[in-house]
N, C-alpha and C. Protein backbone atom coordinates (compact mmCIF):
# COMPACT_ATOMS: atom_id res chain seq x y z
N MET A 1 77.92 102.01 74.13
CA MET A 1 78.01 101.23 75.55
C MET A 1 78.63 99.39 75.01
N LEU A 2 79.34 99.51 76.05
CA LEU A 2 80.55 98.34 75.83
C LEU A 2 79.52 97.12 76.94
N THR A 3 79.37 97.74 77.82
CA THR A 3 78.78 96.81 78.85
C THR A 3 78.50 97.12 79.90
N LEU A 4 77.60 96.69 81.08
CA LEU A 4 76.80 97.44 82.07
C LEU A 4 76.72 96.44 82.59
N LEU A 5 77.85 96.36 83.98
CA LEU A 5 77.56 95.28 84.82
C LEU A 5 77.69 95.50 86.26
N ASP A 6 77.20 94.15 86.93
CA ASP A 6 76.37 93.99 88.08
C ASP A 6 78.08 93.62 88.89
N ARG A 7 77.93 94.45 89.23
CA ARG A 7 79.27 94.47 90.49
C ARG A 7 79.31 93.01 91.44
N ASN A 8 78.15 92.72 91.78
CA ASN A 8 78.22 91.48 92.99
C ASN A 8 77.98 90.11 92.22
N ARG A 9 78.14 90.49 91.18
CA ARG A 9 77.64 89.64 89.81
C ARG A 9 79.16 89.07 89.43
N HIS A 10 80.19 89.69 90.16
CA HIS A 10 82.10 89.26 89.18
C HIS A 10 82.20 89.17 90.74
N ASN A 11 83.83 88.38 90.41
CA ASN A 11 84.57 87.92 91.40
C ASN A 11 85.40 89.27 92.20
N HIS A 12 84.37 90.25 92.50
CA HIS A 12 84.67 91.37 93.45
C HIS A 12 84.75 90.91 94.88
N PRO A 13 85.38 91.31 95.94
CA PRO A 13 84.79 91.88 97.63
C PRO A 13 83.96 91.97 97.49
N PRO A 14 82.87 92.33 98.60
CA PRO A 14 81.17 92.61 98.99
C PRO A 14 81.96 93.92 98.93
N HIS A 15 80.72 94.87 98.78
CA HIS A 15 80.97 96.41 99.17
C HIS A 15 80.17 96.89 99.23
N VAL A 16 79.52 97.55 100.31
CA VAL A 16 78.62 98.37 101.37
C VAL A 16 77.79 99.11 100.04
N ASN A 17 77.54 99.27 98.92
CA ASN A 17 76.88 99.68 98.35
C ASN A 17 76.79 99.03 96.92
N HIS A 18 75.44 98.40 96.15
CA HIS A 18 75.77 98.11 95.02
C HIS A 18 75.61 98.56 93.98
N ILE A 19 77.01 98.58 93.21
CA ILE A 19 77.67 98.94 91.88
C ILE A 19 77.33 98.56 90.54
N TYR A 20 77.22 99.27 90.03
CA TYR A 20 76.93 98.86 88.42
C TYR A 20 78.24 99.63 87.60
N LYS A 21 78.84 98.68 87.05
CA LYS A 21 80.01 99.02 86.07
C LYS A 21 79.61 99.62 84.78
N VAL A 22 80.20 101.05 84.24
CA VAL A 22 79.44 101.06 82.69
C VAL A 22 80.72 101.11 81.80
N PHE A 23 81.26 100.50 80.87
CA PHE A 23 82.45 100.28 80.36
C PHE A 23 81.37 101.29 78.66
N ILE A 24 82.75 102.20 77.94
CA ILE A 24 81.90 102.82 77.03
C ILE A 24 83.10 103.13 76.27
N ARG A 25 83.00 103.19 75.16
CA ARG A 25 84.13 102.93 74.21
C ARG A 25 83.62 104.80 73.66
N CYS A 26 84.99 105.46 73.48
CA CYS A 26 84.63 107.24 73.28
C CYS A 26 86.28 107.17 72.49
N GLU A 27 86.20 108.50 72.07
CA GLU A 27 87.27 109.28 71.07
C GLU A 27 87.24 110.57 71.59
N ILE A 28 88.95 110.73 71.72
CA ILE A 28 89.25 112.01 71.78
C ILE A 28 88.76 113.17 70.90
N ILE A 29 88.31 113.91 71.04
CA ILE A 29 88.28 114.69 69.75
C ILE A 29 88.55 116.83 69.81
N GLY A 30 88.79 116.66 71.52
CA GLY A 30 89.48 117.60 71.44
C GLY A 30 90.10 117.96 72.59
N GLY A 31 90.72 118.72 73.11
CA GLY A 31 91.59 118.79 74.74
C GLY A 31 92.41 118.08 74.23
N SER A 32 92.58 117.21 75.84
CA SER A 32 93.65 116.68 75.88
C SER A 32 92.75 115.65 77.41
N PRO A 33 93.37 114.92 78.00
CA PRO A 33 92.82 113.79 79.41
C PRO A 33 93.57 114.35 80.41
N THR A 34 93.18 114.75 81.50
CA THR A 34 94.06 115.74 82.92
C THR A 34 93.32 114.22 83.88
N THR A 35 94.08 114.72 84.85
CA THR A 35 93.73 114.11 86.29
C THR A 35 92.97 114.99 86.85
N SER A 36 92.50 114.75 87.78
CA SER A 36 91.39 114.94 89.06
C SER A 36 91.66 114.86 90.56
N HIS A 37 90.78 115.11 91.30
CA HIS A 37 90.73 114.46 92.44
C HIS A 37 90.18 112.62 92.71
N GLU A 38 89.59 112.49 91.07
CA GLU A 38 88.99 110.99 91.35
C GLU A 38 89.82 110.00 89.94
N ILE A 39 91.00 111.21 89.93
CA ILE A 39 91.43 109.96 88.53
C ILE A 39 93.00 110.77 88.87
N GLN A 40 94.20 109.49 89.43
CA GLN A 40 95.66 109.35 89.32
C GLN A 40 96.45 109.32 88.63
N GLY A 41 95.55 109.13 87.46
CA GLY A 41 96.61 109.04 86.22
C GLY A 41 95.63 108.39 84.58
N VAL A 42 96.35 109.15 83.24
CA VAL A 42 95.48 108.95 82.68
C VAL A 42 96.76 107.88 81.59
N GLY A 43 95.95 107.63 80.72
CA GLY A 43 97.27 106.56 79.70
C GLY A 43 96.38 105.82 78.87
N PHE A 44 96.64 105.01 77.52
CA PHE A 44 96.19 104.36 76.75
C PHE A 44 97.74 103.21 76.60
N PHE A 45 97.15 101.87 76.81
CA PHE A 45 97.95 100.77 77.29
C PHE A 45 97.76 99.86 75.47
N ALA A 46 98.63 99.32 75.20
CA ALA A 46 97.99 98.09 74.16
C ALA A 46 97.64 96.98 74.86
N GLU A 47 96.82 95.87 74.54
CA GLU A 47 96.28 94.93 75.10
C GLU A 47 97.52 94.20 76.13
N VAL A 48 98.43 94.08 75.29
CA VAL A 48 99.91 93.13 76.12
C VAL A 48 100.81 94.17 77.02
N ASP A 49 100.27 95.52 77.27
CA ASP A 49 100.99 96.29 78.08
C ASP A 49 100.29 96.49 79.00
N ILE A 50 98.88 96.34 79.33
CA ILE A 50 97.83 96.56 80.56
C ILE A 50 98.77 96.48 82.36
N PRO A 51 98.59 98.05 82.69
CA PRO A 51 99.48 97.80 84.08
C PRO A 51 99.09 97.07 84.95
N GLU A 52 98.85 96.92 86.12
CA GLU A 52 98.40 96.18 87.39
C GLU A 52 97.25 96.44 87.26
N LEU A 53 96.01 95.99 87.40
CA LEU A 53 95.09 96.24 87.66
C LEU A 53 94.61 95.97 89.22
N SER A 54 93.65 97.04 89.25
CA SER A 54 93.11 96.92 91.14
C SER A 54 92.01 95.71 90.69
N LEU A 55 92.33 94.75 91.54
CA LEU A 55 91.52 93.27 91.11
C LEU A 55 89.98 94.17 92.42
N THR A 56 89.65 94.65 92.94
CA THR A 56 88.48 94.61 93.46
C THR A 56 87.71 95.71 92.92
N ARG A 57 88.51 96.22 91.88
CA ARG A 57 87.42 96.88 91.23
C ARG A 57 87.71 96.62 89.35
N ASN A 58 88.14 96.26 88.73
CA ASN A 58 88.54 95.48 87.55
C ASN A 58 89.17 94.08 87.25
N GLU A 59 88.84 92.97 86.66
CA GLU A 59 88.99 91.74 86.07
C GLU A 59 89.94 91.87 84.88
N PRO A 60 90.59 90.90 85.05
CA PRO A 60 91.18 91.01 83.69
C PRO A 60 90.57 90.22 82.84
N SER A 61 89.47 89.34 82.98
CA SER A 61 88.55 89.17 82.16
C SER A 61 87.84 90.11 81.17
N GLN A 62 87.77 91.01 82.27
CA GLN A 62 86.60 92.65 81.99
C GLN A 62 87.61 93.34 80.77
N ILE A 63 88.42 93.88 81.31
CA ILE A 63 89.31 93.95 80.30
C ILE A 63 89.58 93.45 78.65
N ALA A 64 89.93 91.89 79.16
CA ALA A 64 90.09 91.45 77.71
C ALA A 64 89.11 91.48 76.43
N ARG A 65 87.73 91.19 77.52
CA ARG A 65 86.56 91.46 76.58
C ARG A 65 86.27 92.85 76.20
N LYS A 66 86.36 93.59 76.51
CA LYS A 66 86.54 95.39 76.39
C LYS A 66 87.77 94.92 74.96
N PHE A 67 89.62 94.50 74.56
CA PHE A 67 89.51 94.50 73.43
C PHE A 67 88.84 93.83 72.68
N GLU A 68 88.26 93.23 73.23
CA GLU A 68 87.41 91.83 71.94
C GLU A 68 86.72 93.21 70.85
N HIS A 69 85.62 94.04 72.01
CA HIS A 69 84.87 94.35 71.16
C HIS A 69 85.63 95.69 70.54
N TYR A 70 86.83 96.15 71.08
CA TYR A 70 87.32 97.32 69.97
C TYR A 70 88.12 96.16 68.44
N ARG A 71 88.75 94.88 68.33
CA ARG A 71 88.26 94.28 67.43
C ARG A 71 87.90 94.20 66.67
N HIS A 72 86.56 93.76 67.44
CA HIS A 72 85.33 93.43 66.40
C HIS A 72 83.82 94.50 66.81
N PRO A 73 84.23 95.30 66.95
CA PRO A 73 83.00 96.66 66.87
C PRO A 73 81.40 96.43 66.56
N ASP A 74 81.10 95.21 65.94
CA ASP A 74 79.87 94.74 66.18
C ASP A 74 78.93 93.52 67.15
N LEU A 75 80.01 93.33 67.97
CA LEU A 75 79.63 93.26 69.06
C LEU A 75 78.46 93.79 69.74
N PRO A 76 77.77 92.83 70.52
CA PRO A 76 76.05 93.08 70.56
C PRO A 76 77.33 93.79 72.78
N ALA A 77 76.10 95.04 72.69
CA ALA A 77 76.69 95.12 74.16
C ALA A 77 76.47 94.24 75.16
N ASP A 78 77.25 93.73 76.27
CA ASP A 78 77.19 93.04 77.20
C ASP A 78 76.65 93.63 78.71
N PHE A 79 75.07 92.79 78.79
CA PHE A 79 74.88 93.08 80.36
C PHE A 79 74.66 91.68 80.93
N ASP A 80 74.87 92.45 82.60
CA ASP A 80 74.75 91.68 83.33
C ASP A 80 73.06 91.35 83.57
């Protein structure tokens, strides 16, 4: 696991539910990524090519931190 975040402790609009976000690092070892009723698209992006984010769900600083974890896999996990 890379990160466990309490959504309410970050710069997101209020939400009726209490939400924790979990970021994990994984690897595709078989099959292929597909869409579903919850996933509109699947893609892999270089850090400089990240598409526009849904700022109600993801902050640019959170994504930047994941690339830090990618470059430095020995970094400890982040917890709120």
